[in-house]
N, C-alpha and C. Protein backbone atom coordinates (compact mmCIF):
# COMPACT_ATOMS: atom_id res chain seq x y z
N MET A 1 47.43 -108.53 48.43
CA MET A 1 46.98 -107.71 47.35
C MET A 1 45.91 -108.70 46.39
N LYS A 2 45.16 -108.19 45.85
CA LYS A 2 43.90 -108.88 45.09
C LYS A 2 44.79 -109.33 44.18
N LEU A 3 44.13 -110.61 43.52
CA LEU A 3 44.64 -111.21 42.21
C LEU A 3 44.42 -110.28 41.24
N SER A 4 43.14 -109.69 40.89
CA SER A 4 42.83 -108.46 39.97
C SER A 4 43.88 -107.30 40.10
N GLN A 5 44.20 -107.04 41.16
CA GLN A 5 45.36 -105.66 41.19
C GLN A 5 46.81 -106.27 40.77
N PHE A 6 47.22 -107.73 41.11
CA PHE A 6 48.35 -108.22 40.32
C PHE A 6 48.42 -108.32 39.22
N ALA A 7 47.11 -108.69 38.37
CA ALA A 7 46.99 -109.06 37.06
C ALA A 7 47.22 -107.54 36.36
N LYS A 8 46.66 -106.48 37.03
CA LYS A 8 46.71 -105.06 36.50
C LYS A 8 48.03 -104.56 36.53
N GLU A 9 48.88 -104.77 37.72
CA GLU A 9 50.52 -104.41 38.13
C GLU A 9 51.13 -104.94 36.85
N ASN A 10 50.93 -106.27 36.44
CA ASN A 10 51.71 -106.79 35.68
C ASN A 10 51.18 -106.99 34.38
N SER A 11 50.55 -106.23 34.08
CA SER A 11 50.18 -106.09 32.72
C SER A 11 49.41 -107.44 31.80
N ILE A 12 49.03 -108.08 32.89
CA ILE A 12 48.38 -109.53 32.31
C ILE A 12 46.78 -109.67 32.72
N SER A 13 46.18 -110.57 31.65
CA SER A 13 44.73 -110.45 31.95
C SER A 13 44.51 -111.36 33.56
N TYR A 14 42.95 -110.93 34.02
CA TYR A 14 42.84 -111.68 35.09
C TYR A 14 42.94 -112.88 34.68
N LYS A 15 42.55 -113.74 33.90
CA LYS A 15 42.52 -115.25 33.55
C LYS A 15 43.54 -115.77 33.76
N THR A 16 44.56 -114.93 32.98
CA THR A 16 46.15 -115.51 32.99
C THR A 16 46.57 -115.51 34.41
N ALA A 17 46.33 -114.70 35.45
CA ALA A 17 46.64 -114.45 36.83
C ALA A 17 46.11 -115.74 37.44
N TRP A 18 44.60 -115.92 37.04
CA TRP A 18 44.16 -117.10 37.68
C TRP A 18 44.38 -118.40 37.48
N ARG A 19 44.73 -118.44 36.33
CA ARG A 19 45.59 -119.97 35.76
C ARG A 19 46.77 -119.92 36.75
N MET A 20 47.76 -119.02 36.30
CA MET A 20 49.10 -118.85 37.01
C MET A 20 48.88 -119.49 38.78
N TRP A 21 47.70 -118.81 39.33
CA TRP A 21 47.45 -119.09 40.78
C TRP A 21 47.20 -120.50 40.70
N LYS A 22 46.18 -121.12 40.02
CA LYS A 22 45.48 -122.42 39.97
C LYS A 22 46.91 -123.61 39.53
N ARG A 23 47.68 -122.79 38.83
CA ARG A 23 49.14 -124.06 38.58
C ARG A 23 49.59 -123.93 39.82
N GLY A 24 49.68 -123.16 41.00
CA GLY A 24 50.67 -122.82 41.91
C GLY A 24 51.74 -122.15 41.85
N GLU A 25 51.83 -121.01 40.85
CA GLU A 25 52.66 -120.20 40.59
C GLU A 25 52.96 -119.18 41.28
N LEU A 26 51.77 -118.73 42.13
CA LEU A 26 51.34 -117.64 42.85
C LEU A 26 50.88 -118.20 44.33
N GLU A 27 52.00 -117.49 45.30
CA GLU A 27 51.56 -117.79 46.55
C GLU A 27 50.16 -117.30 46.99
N ALA A 28 49.20 -117.87 47.30
CA ALA A 28 47.88 -117.16 47.45
C ALA A 28 47.16 -118.14 48.33
N ILE A 29 45.94 -117.25 48.86
CA ILE A 29 45.17 -118.09 49.76
C ILE A 29 43.76 -117.16 49.04
N GLN A 30 42.53 -118.02 49.34
CA GLN A 30 41.28 -117.64 48.52
C GLN A 30 40.24 -117.48 49.77
N LEU A 31 40.11 -116.37 49.94
CA LEU A 31 39.28 -116.09 51.01
C LEU A 31 37.70 -116.40 50.95
N PRO A 32 37.16 -116.88 52.08
CA PRO A 32 35.71 -117.54 52.13
C PRO A 32 34.68 -116.73 51.26
N THR A 33 34.83 -115.40 51.17
CA THR A 33 34.27 -114.66 49.88
C THR A 33 34.60 -114.97 48.77
N GLY A 34 35.48 -115.60 48.26
CA GLY A 34 35.89 -116.24 47.14
C GLY A 34 37.03 -115.24 46.45
N THR A 35 37.48 -113.94 47.30
CA THR A 35 38.61 -113.43 46.92
C THR A 35 39.67 -113.80 46.97
N VAL A 36 40.47 -113.72 45.91
CA VAL A 36 41.97 -114.56 46.01
C VAL A 36 42.85 -113.42 46.47
N VAL A 37 43.78 -113.39 47.49
CA VAL A 37 45.04 -112.58 47.87
C VAL A 37 46.07 -113.13 47.60
N ILE A 38 46.59 -112.23 46.99
CA ILE A 38 48.39 -112.86 46.93
C ILE A 38 49.37 -112.33 47.59
N LYS A 39 50.55 -112.79 47.71
CA LYS A 39 51.60 -112.06 48.35
C LYS A 39 52.03 -110.92 47.68
N GLN A 40 52.89 -110.21 47.82
CA GLN A 40 53.25 -109.10 47.12
C GLN A 40 54.21 -109.70 46.23
N ALA A 41 54.46 -109.10 45.24
CA ALA A 41 55.43 -109.47 44.23
C ALA A 41 56.97 -109.79 44.48
N SER A 42 57.32 -109.14 45.70
CA SER A 42 58.72 -109.41 46.21
C SER A 42 58.86 -110.91 46.89
N GLU A 43 57.59 -111.01 47.21
CA GLU A 43 57.52 -112.00 48.02
C GLU A 43 57.54 -113.55 47.29
N GLN A 44 57.05 -113.19 45.86
CA GLN A 44 56.95 -114.28 45.10
C GLN A 44 57.95 -115.57 44.73
N LYS A 45 57.42 -116.26 44.26
CA LYS A 45 58.35 -117.24 43.78
C LYS A 45 58.15 -117.24 42.28
N PHE A 46 59.55 -116.39 41.43
CA PHE A 46 59.24 -116.23 40.33
C PHE A 46 59.76 -117.64 39.32
N GLY A 47 59.63 -117.58 38.44
CA GLY A 47 59.95 -118.64 37.41
C GLY A 47 61.34 -118.33 36.37
N VAL A 48 61.85 -119.51 36.14
CA VAL A 48 63.26 -119.30 35.42
C VAL A 48 62.81 -119.40 34.09
N ALA A 49 63.31 -118.70 32.87
CA ALA A 49 63.64 -118.68 31.82
C ALA A 49 65.12 -119.10 31.10
N LEU A 50 65.19 -119.61 30.28
CA LEU A 50 66.19 -119.75 29.26
C LEU A 50 66.31 -119.01 28.13
N TYR A 51 67.22 -118.14 27.76
CA TYR A 51 67.54 -117.67 26.37
C TYR A 51 68.57 -118.07 25.77
N ALA A 52 68.35 -118.56 24.60
CA ALA A 52 69.37 -118.77 23.50
C ALA A 52 69.06 -118.00 22.49
N ARG A 53 70.31 -117.61 21.85
CA ARG A 53 70.25 -116.72 20.57
C ARG A 53 71.32 -116.81 19.65
N VAL A 54 71.18 -117.05 18.30
CA VAL A 54 71.96 -117.11 17.48
C VAL A 54 71.90 -115.90 16.31
N SER A 55 72.77 -115.57 15.54
CA SER A 55 72.61 -114.38 14.56
C SER A 55 72.00 -114.71 13.40
N SER A 56 72.26 -116.11 12.93
CA SER A 56 71.67 -116.66 11.61
C SER A 56 71.15 -117.72 11.65
N SER A 57 70.07 -118.17 10.49
CA SER A 57 69.36 -119.35 10.53
C SER A 57 70.14 -120.55 10.20
N ASP A 58 71.25 -120.31 9.47
CA ASP A 58 71.92 -121.58 9.45
C ASP A 58 72.83 -121.95 10.75
N GLN A 59 72.47 -121.33 11.97
CA GLN A 59 73.34 -121.65 13.41
C GLN A 59 72.57 -122.38 14.36
N LYS A 60 71.25 -122.97 13.28
CA LYS A 60 70.30 -123.48 14.27
C LYS A 60 70.92 -124.63 15.39
N ASP A 61 71.81 -125.33 14.79
CA ASP A 61 72.45 -126.42 15.61
C ASP A 61 73.04 -125.87 16.65
N ASP A 62 73.79 -124.69 16.55
CA ASP A 62 74.65 -124.08 17.67
C ASP A 62 73.58 -123.60 18.69
N CYS A 63 72.43 -123.28 18.28
CA CYS A 63 71.31 -122.96 19.13
C CYS A 63 70.57 -123.67 20.08
N GLU A 64 70.60 -124.94 19.63
CA GLU A 64 70.25 -126.29 20.20
C GLU A 64 71.23 -126.46 21.24
N ARG A 65 72.61 -126.82 20.72
CA ARG A 65 73.37 -127.31 21.87
C ARG A 65 73.75 -126.41 23.10
N GLN A 66 73.40 -124.68 22.51
CA GLN A 66 73.38 -123.55 23.61
C GLN A 66 72.33 -123.74 24.60
N LEU A 67 71.13 -124.22 23.90
CA LEU A 67 70.08 -124.68 25.01
C LEU A 67 70.26 -125.81 26.06
N LEU A 68 70.94 -127.03 25.20
CA LEU A 68 71.46 -128.04 26.04
C LEU A 68 72.02 -127.51 27.17
N ARG A 69 73.20 -127.20 26.87
CA ARG A 69 73.97 -126.55 28.00
C ARG A 69 73.21 -125.60 29.22
N LEU A 70 72.30 -124.61 28.64
CA LEU A 70 71.51 -123.89 29.54
C LEU A 70 70.88 -124.90 30.46
N ARG A 71 70.04 -125.80 29.87
CA ARG A 71 69.47 -126.89 30.63
C ARG A 71 69.96 -127.51 31.72
N GLU A 72 71.06 -128.03 30.92
CA GLU A 72 72.14 -128.92 32.11
C GLU A 72 72.57 -128.02 33.58
N TYR A 73 72.82 -126.45 32.87
CA TYR A 73 73.27 -125.45 33.81
C TYR A 73 71.90 -125.09 35.14
N ALA A 74 70.85 -125.28 34.56
CA ALA A 74 69.81 -124.93 35.63
C ALA A 74 69.54 -126.18 36.21
N ALA A 75 69.55 -127.37 35.44
CA ALA A 75 69.25 -128.84 36.42
C ALA A 75 70.18 -128.85 37.52
N ALA A 76 71.66 -128.75 36.94
CA ALA A 76 72.61 -128.63 38.34
C ALA A 76 72.62 -127.80 39.28
N ARG A 77 71.53 -126.64 39.19
CA ARG A 77 71.47 -125.64 40.29
C ARG A 77 69.91 -125.73 40.97
N GLY A 78 69.01 -126.95 40.49
CA GLY A 78 67.95 -127.06 41.05
C GLY A 78 66.90 -126.36 40.35
N TYR A 79 67.08 -125.30 39.52
CA TYR A 79 66.25 -124.48 39.09
C TYR A 79 65.00 -125.22 38.06
N GLN A 80 63.74 -124.97 38.29
CA GLN A 80 62.46 -125.45 37.67
C GLN A 80 62.17 -124.61 36.71
N ILE A 81 62.77 -124.79 35.33
CA ILE A 81 62.28 -124.13 33.96
C ILE A 81 60.66 -123.76 33.69
N GLN A 82 60.38 -122.82 33.46
CA GLN A 82 59.26 -122.05 33.18
C GLN A 82 59.22 -121.89 31.59
N LYS A 83 60.20 -121.33 31.25
CA LYS A 83 59.90 -121.23 29.75
C LYS A 83 61.43 -121.24 29.36
N GLU A 84 61.56 -121.64 27.88
CA GLU A 84 62.59 -121.18 27.08
C GLU A 84 62.65 -120.87 25.99
N VAL A 85 63.46 -119.89 25.39
CA VAL A 85 63.12 -118.78 24.44
C VAL A 85 64.43 -118.91 23.47
N VAL A 86 64.18 -118.94 22.33
CA VAL A 86 65.18 -119.29 21.15
C VAL A 86 64.92 -118.43 20.49
N GLU A 87 65.79 -117.39 19.78
CA GLU A 87 65.90 -116.50 18.95
C GLU A 87 66.81 -116.30 18.11
N VAL A 88 66.53 -116.10 16.78
CA VAL A 88 67.31 -116.02 15.80
C VAL A 88 67.38 -114.58 15.33
N ALA A 89 68.44 -113.61 15.70
CA ALA A 89 68.60 -112.15 15.45
C ALA A 89 69.89 -111.69 15.85
N SER A 90 70.48 -110.94 15.48
CA SER A 90 72.01 -110.07 15.95
C SER A 90 71.79 -109.70 16.99
N GLY A 91 72.83 -109.89 17.98
CA GLY A 91 73.01 -109.22 19.00
C GLY A 91 73.09 -107.66 19.12
N LEU A 92 73.28 -107.00 18.07
CA LEU A 92 73.20 -105.67 18.03
C LEU A 92 71.77 -104.95 17.90
N ASN A 93 70.58 -105.99 17.37
CA ASN A 93 69.45 -105.66 17.02
C ASN A 93 68.79 -105.40 18.02
N ASP A 94 67.90 -104.62 18.64
CA ASP A 94 67.45 -104.17 20.00
C ASP A 94 65.92 -104.36 19.62
N GLN A 95 65.60 -104.76 18.27
CA GLN A 95 64.15 -105.16 18.06
C GLN A 95 63.90 -106.51 17.94
N ARG A 96 63.90 -107.24 18.92
CA ARG A 96 63.92 -108.61 19.15
C ARG A 96 62.43 -109.26 19.77
N PRO A 97 61.66 -109.28 19.38
CA PRO A 97 60.05 -109.52 19.88
C PRO A 97 60.11 -110.31 20.79
N LYS A 98 60.97 -111.44 21.00
CA LYS A 98 60.90 -112.81 21.67
C LYS A 98 61.74 -112.20 23.05
N LEU A 99 62.64 -111.32 22.95
CA LEU A 99 63.42 -111.32 24.27
C LEU A 99 62.38 -109.82 24.81
N SER A 100 62.09 -108.95 24.00
CA SER A 100 60.93 -108.16 24.58
C SER A 100 59.90 -108.69 25.19
N LYS A 101 59.13 -109.72 24.86
CA LYS A 101 58.51 -110.45 25.48
C LYS A 101 58.80 -111.20 27.00
N LEU A 102 59.92 -111.57 26.63
CA LEU A 102 60.43 -112.45 27.79
C LEU A 102 60.87 -111.23 29.01
N LEU A 103 61.16 -110.50 29.03
CA LEU A 103 61.60 -109.38 29.77
C LEU A 103 60.81 -108.54 30.39
N LYS A 104 59.58 -108.38 29.57
CA LYS A 104 58.08 -108.24 30.11
C LYS A 104 57.44 -108.66 31.02
N ASP A 105 57.71 -110.19 30.73
CA ASP A 105 56.91 -111.31 31.49
C ASP A 105 57.42 -111.39 33.02
N ARG A 106 56.49 -110.80 33.84
CA ARG A 106 56.93 -110.79 35.23
C ARG A 106 56.55 -111.74 36.29
N SER A 107 56.19 -112.88 35.51
CA SER A 107 56.19 -114.01 36.16
C SER A 107 57.71 -114.69 36.24
N ILE A 108 58.39 -114.08 35.32
CA ILE A 108 59.78 -114.66 35.07
C ILE A 108 60.60 -113.79 36.04
N GLY A 109 61.13 -114.48 36.87
CA GLY A 109 62.17 -114.04 37.84
C GLY A 109 63.71 -113.92 37.65
N LYS A 110 64.01 -114.76 36.68
CA LYS A 110 65.49 -115.24 36.65
C LYS A 110 65.51 -115.78 35.06
N ILE A 111 66.24 -114.92 33.91
CA ILE A 111 66.79 -115.33 32.97
C ILE A 111 68.28 -115.92 32.80
N ILE A 112 68.50 -116.91 32.49
CA ILE A 112 69.70 -117.86 32.08
C ILE A 112 70.31 -117.43 30.87
N VAL A 113 71.23 -117.02 30.51
CA VAL A 113 71.74 -117.12 29.12
C VAL A 113 73.15 -117.60 29.51
N GLU A 114 73.66 -117.94 28.22
CA GLU A 114 75.05 -118.55 28.41
C GLU A 114 76.24 -117.46 28.62
N HIS A 115 76.37 -116.60 27.43
CA HIS A 115 77.17 -115.42 27.48
C HIS A 115 76.42 -113.94 27.66
N LYS A 116 76.77 -113.27 28.29
CA LYS A 116 76.27 -111.68 28.42
C LYS A 116 75.70 -111.06 26.57
N ASP A 117 76.69 -111.41 25.71
CA ASP A 117 76.23 -111.10 24.50
C ASP A 117 75.18 -112.24 23.97
N ARG A 118 74.81 -113.18 24.20
CA ARG A 118 73.71 -113.80 23.80
C ARG A 118 72.71 -113.06 24.32
N LEU A 119 72.46 -112.18 25.49
CA LEU A 119 71.38 -111.45 25.61
C LEU A 119 71.32 -110.31 24.88
N THR A 120 72.68 -109.57 24.59
CA THR A 120 72.64 -108.40 23.90
C THR A 120 73.99 -108.13 23.86
N ARG A 121 74.54 -107.19 22.77
CA ARG A 121 76.03 -107.18 22.46
C ARG A 121 76.10 -105.78 23.56
N PHE A 122 75.15 -104.91 23.77
CA PHE A 122 75.50 -103.60 24.57
C PHE A 122 74.16 -103.50 25.67
N GLY A 123 74.57 -102.69 26.59
CA GLY A 123 73.61 -102.46 27.26
C GLY A 123 73.05 -103.42 28.51
N PHE A 124 73.90 -104.62 28.41
CA PHE A 124 73.74 -105.72 29.44
C PHE A 124 73.47 -105.26 30.88
N ASN A 125 74.27 -104.20 31.37
CA ASN A 125 74.03 -103.74 33.07
C ASN A 125 72.62 -102.96 32.84
N TYR A 126 72.41 -102.07 31.98
CA TYR A 126 71.15 -101.40 31.94
C TYR A 126 69.79 -102.54 32.45
N ILE A 127 69.98 -103.35 31.56
CA ILE A 127 68.85 -104.59 31.36
C ILE A 127 68.82 -105.32 32.82
N SER A 128 69.88 -105.47 33.36
CA SER A 128 69.99 -106.12 34.63
C SER A 128 69.53 -105.20 35.49
N GLN A 129 70.06 -104.06 35.55
CA GLN A 129 69.51 -103.35 36.77
C GLN A 129 68.12 -102.99 36.73
N LEU A 130 67.45 -102.90 35.52
CA LEU A 130 66.09 -102.33 35.55
C LEU A 130 65.02 -103.78 36.13
N MET A 131 65.88 -105.11 35.61
CA MET A 131 64.96 -106.25 36.41
C MET A 131 65.05 -106.26 37.54
N GLU A 132 66.33 -105.94 38.31
CA GLU A 132 66.45 -105.80 39.83
C GLU A 132 65.62 -105.03 40.44
N THR A 133 65.30 -103.75 39.94
CA THR A 133 64.15 -102.91 40.41
C THR A 133 62.75 -103.77 40.69
N ASP A 134 62.58 -104.99 39.93
CA ASP A 134 61.41 -105.91 40.18
C ASP A 134 61.61 -106.99 40.82
N GLY A 135 62.80 -107.18 41.55
CA GLY A 135 63.21 -108.35 42.11
C GLY A 135 63.40 -109.53 41.32
N ARG A 136 63.88 -109.25 40.16
CA ARG A 136 64.36 -110.12 39.12
C ARG A 136 65.73 -110.12 38.65
N SER A 137 66.41 -111.10 38.06
CA SER A 137 67.69 -110.98 37.77
C SER A 137 68.13 -111.79 36.08
N ILE A 138 69.26 -111.58 36.00
CA ILE A 138 69.72 -112.30 34.61
C ILE A 138 71.04 -113.12 35.27
N GLU A 139 71.17 -114.11 35.08
CA GLU A 139 72.21 -115.32 35.45
C GLU A 139 72.84 -115.13 34.28
N VAL A 140 74.15 -115.05 34.50
CA VAL A 140 74.88 -115.40 33.17
C VAL A 140 75.93 -116.60 33.52
N MET A 141 75.81 -117.89 32.41
CA MET A 141 76.25 -119.19 32.77
C MET A 141 77.91 -119.18 32.79
N ILE A 142 78.52 -117.98 31.75
CA ILE A 142 79.85 -118.37 31.62
C ILE A 142 80.16 -116.88 31.60
N GLU A 143 81.13 -116.39 32.62
CA GLU A 143 81.35 -114.91 32.75
C GLU A 143 82.71 -114.51 31.74
N SER A 144 82.53 -113.67 31.18
CA SER A 144 84.17 -113.26 30.26
C SER A 144 85.58 -113.50 31.18
N ASP A 145 86.25 -113.96 30.56
CA ASP A 145 87.48 -114.02 31.23
C ASP A 145 88.43 -112.98 31.22
N THR A 146 87.96 -111.75 30.78
CA THR A 146 88.84 -110.33 31.10
C THR A 146 87.87 -109.65 31.88
N LYS A 147 88.35 -108.67 32.99
CA LYS A 147 88.01 -107.89 33.60
C LYS A 147 87.60 -106.62 33.11
N ASP A 148 87.86 -106.33 32.16
CA ASP A 148 87.87 -104.84 31.26
C ASP A 148 86.32 -104.90 30.48
N GLU A 149 85.60 -104.02 30.84
CA GLU A 149 84.46 -103.96 29.94
C GLU A 149 84.37 -103.60 28.62
N LEU A 150 85.21 -102.59 28.59
CA LEU A 150 85.59 -101.76 27.40
C LEU A 150 85.94 -102.94 26.42
N VAL A 151 87.16 -103.79 27.00
CA VAL A 151 87.75 -104.89 26.19
C VAL A 151 86.59 -105.90 25.54
N ASP A 152 85.89 -106.07 26.66
CA ASP A 152 84.86 -107.32 25.91
C ASP A 152 83.80 -106.49 25.07
N ASP A 153 83.59 -105.04 25.18
CA ASP A 153 82.69 -104.58 24.21
C ASP A 153 83.48 -104.29 22.83
N PHE A 154 84.46 -104.12 22.87
CA PHE A 154 85.17 -104.14 21.59
C PHE A 154 85.60 -105.47 20.76
N VAL A 155 85.67 -106.48 21.61
CA VAL A 155 85.66 -107.76 21.00
C VAL A 155 84.33 -108.14 20.64
N ALA A 156 83.33 -107.86 21.35
CA ALA A 156 82.10 -108.03 20.83
C ALA A 156 81.34 -107.56 19.30
N ILE A 157 82.07 -106.30 19.28
CA ILE A 157 82.09 -105.61 17.90
C ILE A 157 82.81 -106.34 16.82
N ILE A 158 84.04 -106.44 17.25
CA ILE A 158 84.89 -107.42 16.08
C ILE A 158 84.27 -108.40 15.67
N THR A 159 83.82 -109.59 16.87
CA THR A 159 83.28 -110.90 16.37
C THR A 159 82.07 -110.56 15.69
N SER A 160 81.22 -109.99 16.23
CA SER A 160 79.89 -109.61 15.20
C SER A 160 80.45 -109.29 13.56
N MET A 161 81.05 -108.21 13.58
CA MET A 161 81.70 -107.92 12.22
C MET A 161 82.33 -108.98 11.38
N ALA A 162 83.46 -109.54 12.24
CA ALA A 162 83.96 -110.73 11.65
C ALA A 162 83.27 -111.53 11.00
N ALA A 163 82.18 -112.23 11.88
CA ALA A 163 81.32 -113.54 11.52
C ALA A 163 80.52 -112.90 10.07
N ARG A 164 80.23 -111.78 10.37
CA ARG A 164 79.31 -111.38 8.74
C ARG A 164 80.33 -111.19 7.60
N ILE A 165 81.88 -110.93 8.10
CA ILE A 165 82.44 -110.57 6.65
C ILE A 165 83.19 -112.25 6.28
N TYR A 166 83.37 -112.88 7.57
CA TYR A 166 84.54 -113.76 7.40
C TYR A 166 83.48 -115.67 7.65
N GLY A 167 82.53 -115.37 7.93
CA GLY A 167 82.03 -116.64 8.42
C GLY A 167 82.30 -117.22 10.03
N ARG A 168 81.72 -117.95 10.68
CA ARG A 168 81.25 -118.13 11.93
C ARG A 168 83.01 -118.71 12.65
N ARG A 169 83.46 -119.61 11.73
CA ARG A 169 84.66 -120.29 12.18
C ARG A 169 86.05 -119.43 12.21
N ASN A 170 86.01 -118.78 11.19
CA ASN A 170 86.92 -118.04 10.83
C ASN A 170 87.02 -116.44 11.90
N SER A 171 85.88 -116.32 12.05
CA SER A 171 85.63 -115.02 12.92
C SER A 171 85.88 -115.31 14.41
N LYS A 172 85.96 -116.65 14.54
CA LYS A 172 86.43 -116.86 16.17
C LYS A 172 87.58 -116.52 16.30
N ARG A 173 88.50 -117.20 15.27
CA ARG A 173 89.79 -117.37 15.24
C ARG A 173 90.36 -115.80 15.65
N ALA A 174 89.72 -115.04 14.30
CA ALA A 174 90.52 -113.60 14.20
C ALA A 174 89.81 -113.05 15.41
N ALA A 175 88.75 -113.17 15.93
CA ALA A 175 88.34 -112.19 17.45
C ALA A 175 89.52 -112.78 18.45
N GLU A 176 89.76 -113.83 18.49
CA GLU A 176 90.57 -114.56 19.76
C GLU A 176 91.69 -113.40 19.43
N ARG A 177 92.64 -113.54 18.37
CA ARG A 177 93.76 -112.84 17.84
C ARG A 177 93.67 -111.44 18.32
N ILE A 178 92.16 -110.69 17.97
CA ILE A 178 92.27 -109.66 17.81
C ILE A 178 92.07 -109.31 19.78
N LYS A 179 91.57 -110.19 20.31
CA LYS A 179 91.26 -109.84 21.85
C LYS A 179 92.78 -109.82 22.54
N ARG A 180 93.57 -110.86 21.71
CA ARG A 180 94.88 -110.72 22.47
C ARG A 180 95.60 -109.65 22.33
N CYS A 181 95.72 -108.97 20.95
CA CYS A 181 96.36 -107.69 20.69
C CYS A 181 95.62 -106.86 21.55
N VAL A 182 94.14 -106.53 21.80
CA VAL A 182 93.84 -105.33 22.62
C VAL A 182 94.04 -105.52 23.94
N GLU A 183 94.21 -106.96 24.73
CA GLU A 183 94.64 -107.12 26.17
C GLU A 183 95.96 -106.80 26.02
N SER A 184 96.98 -107.15 25.47
CA SER A 184 98.39 -106.69 25.26
C SER A 184 98.68 -104.91 25.24
N ALA A 185 97.54 -104.37 24.62
CA ALA A 185 97.79 -103.29 24.28
C ALA A 185 97.48 -102.09 25.62
N VAL A 186 96.09 -102.85 26.23
CA VAL A 186 95.85 -102.43 27.36
C VAL A 186 96.63 -102.50 28.50
N GLN A 187 97.52 -103.61 28.48
CA GLN A 187 98.54 -103.88 29.73
C GLN A 187 99.56 -103.03 29.44
N ASP A 188 99.97 -102.91 28.26
CA ASP A 188 101.28 -102.15 27.77
C ASP A 188 100.72 -100.62 28.19
N GLU A 189 99.69 -100.21 28.21
CA GLU A 189 99.25 -98.78 28.47
C GLU A 189 99.44 -98.57 30.09
N ALA A 190 98.76 -99.74 30.70
CA ALA A 190 98.78 -99.69 32.10
C ALA A 190 100.17 -99.73 32.61
N ASP A 191 101.08 -100.40 31.82
CA ASP A 191 102.52 -100.63 32.40
C ASP A 191 103.09 -99.39 32.25
N GLU A 192 102.99 -98.51 31.33
CA GLU A 192 103.76 -97.35 30.79
C GLU A 192 102.98 -96.33 31.73
N THR A 193 101.90 -95.97 31.95
CA THR A 193 101.30 -95.10 33.16
C THR A 193 101.88 -95.39 34.47
N GLY A 194 102.05 -96.99 35.01
CA GLY A 194 102.59 -97.03 36.05
C GLY A 194 104.28 -96.66 36.34
N ILE A 195 104.82 -96.71 35.27
CA ILE A 195 106.37 -96.31 34.82
C ILE A 195 106.16 -94.79 35.12
N GLN A 196 105.49 -93.74 34.58
CA GLN A 196 105.53 -92.50 34.63
C GLN A 196 105.18 -91.88 35.83
N ASN A 197 104.03 -92.77 36.99
CA ASN A 197 103.82 -92.22 37.95
C ASN A 197 105.14 -92.39 39.12
């Protein structure tokens, strides 16, 4: 595919695509005529981005520690970090300009987040599936310790609301207690269902 076509398909300017090729981010050859021909997007080596998010500006130290852990994780896996994005916004807010820009950047093939809820409180799987259609992915550093998505969603809501009401430190303890109660209720329901069958 020509470099101009690649730029058009990826919603970037030709100049940006040219710079990407010059920096070695695109695998391409230059024909004797001067035309730059690149491999199809599915064959490209995409860049890796780190995404860190906190809910309020008084948590900037938490955000720096989050970013440090992401850097260590990426380095341990040999990833070359192309971009680091830090955002201060609620996980329930779907109007986050930095995340939107990152998701639209087709030069980024992998976005690494610490927890799913750092990317979004809801709809993580939709975002992940949409990225996969472009041959891109989201990698979660720390997977949830529960295997029930409904429990995870419920805990995410309670944690977010408790943080607003009680403050960060107390909300974490409250969320842990609520999580244990919900998991216990789910297990009790499963046990009852098993007994009745």
